[in-house]
Amino acid sequence: MNNQWQKKAKQAQKETDVELADQINHLTGIDSNSINALLAENSMNKDDFNQLIKLIKDQTKSNNEKIKALSNMQNGLEILVGLVGKLI
């Protein structure tokens, strides 16, 4: 039974990753290949990237708290700079 839940959780994560990539592409014009390349350049996996996005969207944290958290996240700032560079 536990194995079935793990399989469903992995499938849900894959679907969420695809949906997030599609949303980013729709909003910014940055496709999933560009995001994957940026992640690879900065040695960040998708789970860490999802955590980064959640941190940025967190309405309960102040900007200073987010900056502190970002500084503790490996390559978090580099990814954000790369994304902003692609948007501008």
PDB file of N, CA and C in Angstrom:
ATOM      1  N   MET A   1       0.822  -1.192   0.000  1.00  0.00           N
ATOM      2  CA  MET A   1       0.000   0.000   0.000  1.00  0.00           C
ATOM      3  C   MET A   1       0.867   1.256   0.000  1.00  0.00           C
ATOM      4  N   ASN A   2       1.892   1.295   0.830  1.00  0.00           N
ATOM      5  CA  ASN A   2       2.776   2.449   0.921  1.00  0.00           C
ATOM      6  C   ASN A   2       3.448   2.727  -0.417  1.00  0.00           C
ATOM      7  N   ASN A   3       3.819   1.659  -1.123  1.00  0.00           N
ATOM      8  CA  ASN A   3       4.489   1.799  -2.418  1.00  0.00           C
ATOM      9  C   ASN A   3       3.567   2.480  -3.433  1.00  0.00           C
ATOM     10  N   GLN A   4       2.273   2.182  -3.376  1.00  0.00           N
ATOM     11  CA  GLN A   4       1.317   2.819  -4.290  1.00  0.00           C
ATOM     12  C   GLN A   4       1.256   4.322  -4.043  1.00  0.00           C
ATOM     13  N   TRP A   5       1.275   4.726  -2.785  1.00  0.00           N
ATOM     14  CA  TRP A   5       1.247   6.147  -2.453  1.00  0.00           C
ATOM     15  C   TRP A   5       2.519   6.828  -2.927  1.00  0.00           C
ATOM     16  N   GLN A   6       3.643   6.156  -2.780  1.00  0.00           N
ATOM     17  CA  GLN A   6       4.905   6.728  -3.236  1.00  0.00           C
ATOM     18  C   GLN A   6       4.889   6.918  -4.751  1.00  0.00           C
ATOM     19  N   LYS A   7       4.360   5.938  -5.468  1.00  0.00           N
ATOM     20  CA  LYS A   7       4.261   6.051  -6.929  1.00  0.00           C
ATOM     21  C   LYS A   7       3.347   7.207  -7.320  1.00  0.00           C
ATOM     22  N   LYS A   8       2.219   7.331  -6.625  1.00  0.00           N
ATOM     23  CA  LYS A   8       1.287   8.422  -6.926  1.00  0.00           C
ATOM     24  C   LYS A   8       1.911   9.783  -6.599  1.00  0.00           C
ATOM     25  N   ALA A   9       2.661   9.842  -5.505  1.00  0.00           N
ATOM     26  CA  ALA A   9       3.323  11.093  -5.131  1.00  0.00           C
ATOM     27  C   ALA A   9       4.367  11.481  -6.176  1.00  0.00           C
ATOM     28  N   LYS A  10       5.135  10.511  -6.660  1.00  0.00           N
ATOM     29  CA  LYS A  10       6.137  10.799  -7.701  1.00  0.00           C
ATOM     30  C   LYS A  10       5.464  11.270  -8.981  1.00  0.00           C
ATOM     31  N   GLN A  11       4.354  10.621  -9.349  1.00  0.00           N
ATOM     32  CA  GLN A  11       3.624  11.026 -10.547  1.00  0.00           C
ATOM     33  C   GLN A  11       3.070  12.438 -10.397  1.00  0.00           C
ATOM     34  N   ALA A  12       2.540  12.741  -9.224  1.00  0.00           N
ATOM     35  CA  ALA A  12       2.008  14.080  -8.970  1.00  0.00           C
ATOM     36  C   ALA A  12       3.121  15.122  -9.060  1.00  0.00           C
ATOM     37  N   GLN A  13       4.304  14.799  -8.540  1.00  0.00           N
ATOM     38  CA  GLN A  13       5.432  15.734  -8.612  1.00  0.00           C
ATOM     39  C   GLN A  13       5.840  15.984 -10.056  1.00  0.00           C
ATOM     40  N   LYS A  14       5.869  14.922 -10.872  1.00  0.00           N
ATOM     41  CA  LYS A  14       6.209  15.090 -12.289  1.00  0.00           C
ATOM     42  C   LYS A  14       5.197  15.991 -12.979  1.00  0.00           C
ATOM     43  N   GLU A  15       3.915  15.754 -12.708  1.00  0.00           N
ATOM     44  CA  GLU A  15       2.873  16.563 -13.317  1.00  0.00           C
ATOM     45  C   GLU A  15       2.966  18.018 -12.858  1.00  0.00           C
ATOM     46  N   THR A  16       3.288  18.215 -11.594  1.00  0.00           N
ATOM     47  CA  THR A  16       3.442  19.567 -11.056  1.00  0.00           C
ATOM     48  C   THR A  16       4.622  20.269 -11.714  1.00  0.00           C
ATOM     49  N   ASP A  17       5.740  19.550 -11.899  1.00  0.00           N
ATOM     50  CA  ASP A  17       6.905  20.134 -12.558  1.00  0.00           C
ATOM     51  C   ASP A  17       6.562  20.583 -13.976  1.00  0.00           C
ATOM     52  N   VAL A  18       5.828  19.749 -14.693  1.00  0.00           N
ATOM     53  CA  VAL A  18       5.434  20.083 -16.065  1.00  0.00           C
ATOM     54  C   VAL A  18       4.508  21.288 -16.060  1.00  0.00           C
ATOM     55  N   GLU A  19       3.543  21.302 -15.132  1.00  0.00           N
ATOM     56  CA  GLU A  19       2.607  22.419 -15.049  1.00  0.00           C
ATOM     57  C   GLU A  19       3.326  23.719 -14.707  1.00  0.00           C
ATOM     58  N   LEU A  20       4.278  23.663 -13.769  1.00  0.00           N
ATOM     59  CA  LEU A  20       5.041  24.858 -13.397  1.00  0.00           C
ATOM     60  C   LEU A  20       5.835  25.368 -14.594  1.00  0.00           C
ATOM     61  N   ALA A  21       6.482  24.474 -15.301  1.00  0.00           N
ATOM     62  CA  ALA A  21       7.254  24.882 -16.474  1.00  0.00           C
ATOM     63  C   ALA A  21       6.354  25.519 -17.525  1.00  0.00           C
ATOM     64  N   ASP A  22       5.166  24.945 -17.728  1.00  0.00           N
ATOM     65  CA  ASP A  22       4.224  25.512 -18.695  1.00  0.00           C
ATOM     66  C   ASP A  22       3.764  26.901 -18.268  1.00  0.00           C
ATOM     67  N   GLN A  23       3.498  27.080 -16.975  1.00  0.00           N
ATOM     68  CA  GLN A  23       3.069  28.385 -16.477  1.00  0.00           C
ATOM     69  C   GLN A  23       4.172  29.426 -16.637  1.00  0.00           C
ATOM     70  N   ILE A  24       5.394  29.048 -16.305  1.00  0.00           N
ATOM     71  CA  ILE A  24       6.515  29.982 -16.457  1.00  0.00           C
ATOM     72  C   ILE A  24       6.689  30.355 -17.922  1.00  0.00           C
ATOM     73  N   ASN A  25       6.600  29.369 -18.798  1.00  0.00           N
ATOM     74  CA  ASN A  25       6.726  29.625 -20.227  1.00  0.00           C
ATOM     75  C   ASN A  25       5.624  30.570 -20.700  1.00  0.00           C
ATOM     76  N   HIS A  26       4.412  30.322 -20.255  1.00  0.00           N
ATOM     77  CA  HIS A  26       3.280  31.160 -20.668  1.00  0.00           C
ATOM     78  C   HIS A  26       3.453  32.599 -20.176  1.00  0.00           C
ATOM     79  N   LEU A  27       3.890  32.774 -18.944  1.00  0.00           N
ATOM     80  CA  LEU A  27       4.007  34.108 -18.358  1.00  0.00           C
ATOM     81  C   LEU A  27       5.236  34.868 -18.843  1.00  0.00           C
ATOM     82  N   THR A  28       6.304  34.169 -19.127  1.00  0.00           N
ATOM     83  CA  THR A  28       7.569  34.839 -19.400  1.00  0.00           C
ATOM     84  C   THR A  28       8.129  34.607 -20.794  1.00  0.00           C
ATOM     85  N   GLY A  29       7.672  33.583 -21.459  1.00  0.00           N
ATOM     86  CA  GLY A  29       8.259  33.218 -22.734  1.00  0.00           C
ATOM     87  C   GLY A  29       9.519  32.385 -22.570  1.00  0.00           C
ATOM     88  N   ILE A  30       9.866  32.030 -21.334  1.00  0.00           N
ATOM     89  CA  ILE A  30      11.021  31.166 -21.078  1.00  0.00           C
ATOM     90  C   ILE A  30      10.525  29.730 -21.101  1.00  0.00           C
ATOM     91  N   ASP A  31      11.070  28.915 -21.995  1.00  0.00           N
ATOM     92  CA  ASP A  31      10.594  27.539 -22.090  1.00  0.00           C
ATOM     93  C   ASP A  31      11.305  26.620 -21.102  1.00  0.00           C
ATOM     94  N   SER A  32      10.786  25.417 -20.966  1.00  0.00           N
ATOM     95  CA  SER A  32      11.331  24.477 -19.989  1.00  0.00           C
ATOM     96  C   SER A  32      12.781  24.104 -20.303  1.00  0.00           C
ATOM     97  N   ASN A  33      13.158  24.100 -21.575  1.00  0.00           N
ATOM     98  CA  ASN A  33      14.554  23.796 -21.923  1.00  0.00           C
ATOM     99  C   ASN A  33      15.492  24.868 -21.376  1.00  0.00           C
ATOM    100  N   SER A  34      15.069  26.132 -21.441  1.00  0.00           N
ATOM    101  CA  SER A  34      15.883  27.220 -20.904  1.00  0.00           C
ATOM    102  C   SER A  34      16.009  27.115 -19.386  1.00  0.00           C
ATOM    103  N   ILE A  35      14.899  26.779 -18.744  1.00  0.00           N
ATOM    104  CA  ILE A  35      14.921  26.620 -17.286  1.00  0.00           C
ATOM    105  C   ILE A  35      15.813  25.454 -16.901  1.00  0.00           C
ATOM    106  N   ASN A  36      15.660  24.329 -17.603  1.00  0.00           N
ATOM    107  CA  ASN A  36      16.498  23.159 -17.305  1.00  0.00           C
ATOM    108  C   ASN A  36      17.973  23.459 -17.517  1.00  0.00           C
ATOM    109  N   ALA A  37      18.293  24.212 -18.561  1.00  0.00           N
ATOM    110  CA  ALA A  37      19.693  24.572 -18.818  1.00  0.00           C
ATOM    111  C   ALA A  37      20.222  25.472 -17.706  1.00  0.00           C
ATOM    112  N   LEU A  38      19.407  26.420 -17.272  1.00  0.00           N
ATOM    113  CA  LEU A  38      19.801  27.318 -16.187  1.00  0.00           C
ATOM    114  C   LEU A  38      20.014  26.535 -14.889  1.00  0.00           C
ATOM    115  N   LEU A  39      19.135  25.591 -14.613  1.00  0.00           N
ATOM    116  CA  LEU A  39      19.288  24.753 -13.424  1.00  0.00           C
ATOM    117  C   LEU A  39      20.568  23.927 -13.509  1.00  0.00           C
ATOM    118  N   ALA A  40      20.829  23.364 -14.671  1.00  0.00           N
ATOM    119  CA  ALA A  40      22.039  22.554 -14.847  1.00  0.00           C
ATOM    120  C   ALA A  40      23.301  23.399 -14.689  1.00  0.00           C
ATOM    121  N   GLU A  41      23.285  24.606 -15.240  1.00  0.00           N
ATOM    122  CA  GLU A  41      24.443  25.509 -15.127  1.00  0.00           C
ATOM    123  C   GLU A  41      24.766  25.825 -13.672  1.00  0.00           C
ATOM    124  N   ASN A  42      23.728  25.884 -12.843  1.00  0.00           N
ATOM    125  CA  ASN A  42      23.905  26.270 -11.448  1.00  0.00           C
ATOM    126  C   ASN A  42      23.776  25.103 -10.486  1.00  0.00           C
ATOM    127  N   SER A  43      23.818  23.897 -11.008  1.00  0.00           N
ATOM    128  CA  SER A  43      23.767  22.680 -10.188  1.00  0.00           C
ATOM    129  C   SER A  43      22.595  22.686  -9.212  1.00  0.00           C
ATOM    130  N   MET A  44      21.416  23.001  -9.715  1.00  0.00           N
ATOM    131  CA  MET A  44      20.219  23.000  -8.870  1.00  0.00           C
ATOM    132  C   MET A  44      19.221  22.002  -9.452  1.00  0.00           C
ATOM    133  N   ASN A  45      18.621  21.190  -8.582  1.00  0.00           N
ATOM    134  CA  ASN A  45      17.610  20.261  -9.059  1.00  0.00           C
ATOM    135  C   ASN A  45      16.227  20.903  -8.994  1.00  0.00           C
ATOM    136  N   LYS A  46      15.242  20.218  -9.553  1.00  0.00           N
ATOM    137  CA  LYS A  46      13.897  20.788  -9.635  1.00  0.00           C
ATOM    138  C   LYS A  46      13.252  20.944  -8.265  1.00  0.00           C
ATOM    139  N   ASP A  47      13.540  20.033  -7.352  1.00  0.00           N
ATOM    140  CA  ASP A  47      12.980  20.156  -6.001  1.00  0.00           C
ATOM    141  C   ASP A  47      13.460  21.442  -5.335  1.00  0.00           C
ATOM    142  N   ASP A  48      14.765  21.717  -5.452  1.00  0.00           N
ATOM    143  CA  ASP A  48      15.311  22.944  -4.866  1.00  0.00           C
ATOM    144  C   ASP A  48      14.738  24.178  -5.562  1.00  0.00           C
ATOM    145  N   PHE A  49      14.552  24.081  -6.879  1.00  0.00           N
ATOM    146  CA  PHE A  49      13.963  25.196  -7.628  1.00  0.00           C
ATOM    147  C   PHE A  49      12.530  25.447  -7.172  1.00  0.00           C
ATOM    148  N   ASN A  50      11.775  24.377  -6.953  1.00  0.00           N
ATOM    149  CA  ASN A  50      10.399  24.527  -6.457  1.00  0.00           C
ATOM    150  C   ASN A  50      10.392  25.178  -5.082  1.00  0.00           C
ATOM    151  N   GLN A  51      11.354  24.812  -4.229  1.00  0.00           N
ATOM    152  CA  GLN A  51      11.472  25.433  -2.909  1.00  0.00           C
ATOM    153  C   GLN A  51      11.785  26.924  -3.050  1.00  0.00           C
ATOM    154  N   LEU A  52      12.633  27.253  -4.001  1.00  0.00           N
ATOM    155  CA  LEU A  52      12.983  28.648  -4.262  1.00  0.00           C
ATOM    156  C   LEU A  52      11.748  29.449  -4.670  1.00  0.00           C
ATOM    157  N   ILE A  53      10.955  28.895  -5.567  1.00  0.00           N
ATOM    158  CA  ILE A  53       9.732  29.567  -6.020  1.00  0.00           C
ATOM    159  C   ILE A  53       8.754  29.740  -4.857  1.00  0.00           C
ATOM    160  N   LYS A  54       8.610  28.710  -4.027  1.00  0.00           N
ATOM    161  CA  LYS A  54       7.722  28.805  -2.864  1.00  0.00           C
ATOM    162  C   LYS A  54       8.196  29.898  -1.916  1.00  0.00           C
ATOM    163  N   LEU A  55       9.495  29.985  -1.709  1.00  0.00           N
ATOM    164  CA  LEU A  55      10.053  31.013  -0.834  1.00  0.00           C
ATOM    165  C   LEU A  55       9.716  32.404  -1.363  1.00  0.00           C
ATOM    166  N   ILE A  56       9.904  32.605  -2.631  1.00  0.00           N
ATOM    167  CA  ILE A  56       9.662  33.915  -3.224  1.00  0.00           C
ATOM    168  C   ILE A  56       8.183  34.289  -3.140  1.00  0.00           C
ATOM    169  N   LYS A  57       7.306  33.318  -3.323  1.00  0.00           N
ATOM    170  CA  LYS A  57       5.866  33.581  -3.295  1.00  0.00           C
ATOM    171  C   LYS A  57       5.300  33.687  -1.884  1.00  0.00           C
ATOM    172  N   ASP A  58       6.067  33.310  -0.873  1.00  0.00           N
ATOM    173  CA  ASP A  58       5.580  33.282   0.509  1.00  0.00           C
ATOM    174  C   ASP A  58       5.237  34.698   0.982  1.00  0.00           C
ATOM    175  N   GLN A  59       3.971  34.942   1.175  1.00  0.00           N
ATOM    176  CA  GLN A  59       3.492  36.267   1.581  1.00  0.00           C
ATOM    177  C   GLN A  59       3.740  36.558   3.062  1.00  0.00           C
ATOM    178  N   THR A  60       4.050  35.526   3.840  1.00  0.00           N
ATOM    179  CA  THR A  60       4.235  35.732   5.280  1.00  0.00           C
ATOM    180  C   THR A  60       5.637  36.197   5.631  1.00  0.00           C
ATOM    181  N   LYS A  61       6.572  36.115   4.698  1.00  0.00           N
ATOM    182  CA  LYS A  61       7.956  36.510   4.955  1.00  0.00           C
ATOM    183  C   LYS A  61       8.231  37.916   4.408  1.00  0.00           C
ATOM    184  N   SER A  62       9.020  38.665   5.156  1.00  0.00           N
ATOM    185  CA  SER A  62       9.446  39.984   4.681  1.00  0.00           C
ATOM    186  C   SER A  62      10.547  39.797   3.645  1.00  0.00           C
ATOM    187  N   ASN A  63      10.865  40.856   2.926  1.00  0.00           N
ATOM    188  CA  ASN A  63      11.948  40.771   1.940  1.00  0.00           C
ATOM    189  C   ASN A  63      13.272  40.427   2.609  1.00  0.00           C
ATOM    190  N   ASN A  64      13.519  40.975   3.801  1.00  0.00           N
ATOM    191  CA  ASN A  64      14.761  40.671   4.509  1.00  0.00           C
ATOM    192  C   ASN A  64      14.835  39.197   4.881  1.00  0.00           C
ATOM    193  N   GLU A  65      13.710  38.621   5.304  1.00  0.00           N
ATOM    194  CA  GLU A  65      13.693  37.194   5.636  1.00  0.00           C
ATOM    195  C   GLU A  65      13.944  36.348   4.392  1.00  0.00           C
ATOM    196  N   LYS A  66      13.388  36.775   3.276  1.00  0.00           N
ATOM    197  CA  LYS A  66      13.594  36.052   2.021  1.00  0.00           C
ATOM    198  C   LYS A  66      15.060  36.135   1.595  1.00  0.00           C
ATOM    199  N   ILE A  67      15.664  37.292   1.746  1.00  0.00           N
ATOM    200  CA  ILE A  67      17.077  37.457   1.385  1.00  0.00           C
ATOM    201  C   ILE A  67      17.952  36.544   2.230  1.00  0.00           C
ATOM    202  N   LYS A  68      17.664  36.489   3.538  1.00  0.00           N
ATOM    203  CA  LYS A  68      18.433  35.589   4.408  1.00  0.00           C
ATOM    204  C   LYS A  68      18.274  34.147   3.970  1.00  0.00           C
ATOM    205  N   ALA A  69      17.055  33.744   3.699  1.00  0.00           N
ATOM    206  CA  ALA A  69      16.799  32.364   3.268  1.00  0.00           C
ATOM    207  C   ALA A  69      17.479  32.080   1.937  1.00  0.00           C
ATOM    208  N   LEU A  70      17.444  33.038   1.019  1.00  0.00           N
ATOM    209  CA  LEU A  70      18.097  32.866  -0.284  1.00  0.00           C
ATOM    210  C   LEU A  70      19.604  32.722  -0.138  1.00  0.00           C
ATOM    211  N   SER A  71      20.176  33.461   0.782  1.00  0.00           N
ATOM    212  CA  SER A  71      21.623  33.384   0.959  1.00  0.00           C
ATOM    213  C   SER A  71      22.040  32.023   1.515  1.00  0.00           C
ATOM    214  N   ASN A  72      21.118  31.351   2.180  1.00  0.00           N
ATOM    215  CA  ASN A  72      21.408  30.011   2.692  1.00  0.00           C
ATOM    216  C   ASN A  72      21.105  28.915   1.676  1.00  0.00           C
ATOM    217  N   MET A  73      20.404  29.260   0.612  1.00  0.00           N
ATOM    218  CA  MET A  73      20.033  28.283  -0.407  1.00  0.00           C
ATOM    219  C   MET A  73      21.138  28.225  -1.461  1.00  0.00           C
ATOM    220  N   GLN A  74      21.675  27.057  -1.672  1.00  0.00           N
ATOM    221  CA  GLN A  74      22.781  26.906  -2.617  1.00  0.00           C
ATOM    222  C   GLN A  74      22.340  27.314  -4.023  1.00  0.00           C
ATOM    223  N   ASN A  75      23.040  28.270  -4.589  1.00  0.00           N
ATOM    224  CA  ASN A  75      22.835  28.761  -5.955  1.00  0.00           C
ATOM    225  C   ASN A  75      21.487  29.442  -6.163  1.00  0.00           C
ATOM    226  N   GLY A  76      20.765  29.758  -5.092  1.00  0.00           N
ATOM    227  CA  GLY A  76      19.461  30.401  -5.226  1.00  0.00           C
ATOM    228  C   GLY A  76      19.543  31.752  -5.903  1.00  0.00           C
ATOM    229  N   LEU A  77      20.508  32.564  -5.482  1.00  0.00           N
ATOM    230  CA  LEU A  77      20.641  33.899  -6.078  1.00  0.00           C
ATOM    231  C   LEU A  77      21.077  33.823  -7.532  1.00  0.00           C
ATOM    232  N   GLU A  78      21.950  32.880  -7.845  1.00  0.00           N
ATOM    233  CA  GLU A  78      22.418  32.742  -9.224  1.00  0.00           C
ATOM    234  C   GLU A  78      21.267  32.396 -10.160  1.00  0.00           C
ATOM    235  N   ILE A  79      20.383  31.507  -9.700  1.00  0.00           N
ATOM    236  CA  ILE A  79      19.229  31.127 -10.515  1.00  0.00           C
ATOM    237  C   ILE A  79      18.329  32.340 -10.738  1.00  0.00           C
ATOM    238  N   LEU A  80      18.080  33.104  -9.673  1.00  0.00           N
ATOM    239  CA  LEU A  80      17.217  34.275  -9.816  1.00  0.00           C
ATOM    240  C   LEU A  80      17.813  35.306 -10.755  1.00  0.00           C
ATOM    241  N   VAL A  81      19.112  35.536 -10.644  1.00  0.00           N
ATOM    242  CA  VAL A  81      19.780  36.482 -11.542  1.00  0.00           C
ATOM    243  C   VAL A  81      19.678  35.980 -12.979  1.00  0.00           C
ATOM    244  N   GLY A  82      19.859  34.691 -13.179  1.00  0.00           N
ATOM    245  CA  GLY A  82      19.738  34.116 -14.518  1.00  0.00           C
ATOM    246  C   GLY A  82      18.341  34.264 -15.086  1.00  0.00           C
ATOM    247  N   LEU A  83      17.333  34.036 -14.259  1.00  0.00           N
ATOM    248  CA  LEU A  83      15.946  34.177 -14.720  1.00  0.00           C
ATOM    249  C   LEU A  83      15.619  35.639 -15.056  1.00  0.00           C
ATOM    250  N   VAL A  84      16.048  36.542 -14.176  1.00  0.00           N
ATOM    251  CA  VAL A  84      15.800  37.967 -14.436  1.00  0.00           C
ATOM    252  C   VAL A  84      16.512  38.389 -15.714  1.00  0.00           C
ATOM    253  N   GLY A  85      17.731  37.880 -15.903  1.00  0.00           N
ATOM    254  CA  GLY A  85      18.463  38.201 -17.131  1.00  0.00           C
ATOM    255  C   GLY A  85      17.724  37.756 -18.377  1.00  0.00           C
ATOM    256  N   LYS A  86      17.022  36.644 -18.301  1.00  0.00           N
ATOM    257  CA  LYS A  86      16.259  36.159 -19.455  1.00  0.00           C
ATOM    258  C   LYS A  86      14.970  36.957 -19.660  1.00  0.00           C
ATOM    259  N   LEU A  87      14.442  37.524 -18.576  1.00  0.00           N
ATOM    260  CA  LEU A  87      13.208  38.297 -18.679  1.00  0.00           C
ATOM    261  C   LEU A  87      13.429  39.692 -19.232  1.00  0.00           C
ATOM    262  N   ILE A  88      14.604  40.238 -18.985  1.00  0.00           N
ATOM    263  CA  ILE A  88      14.866  41.625 -19.397  1.00  0.00           C
ATOM    264  C   ILE A  88      15.332  41.689 -20.831  1.00  0.00           C
TER     265      ILE A  88
END
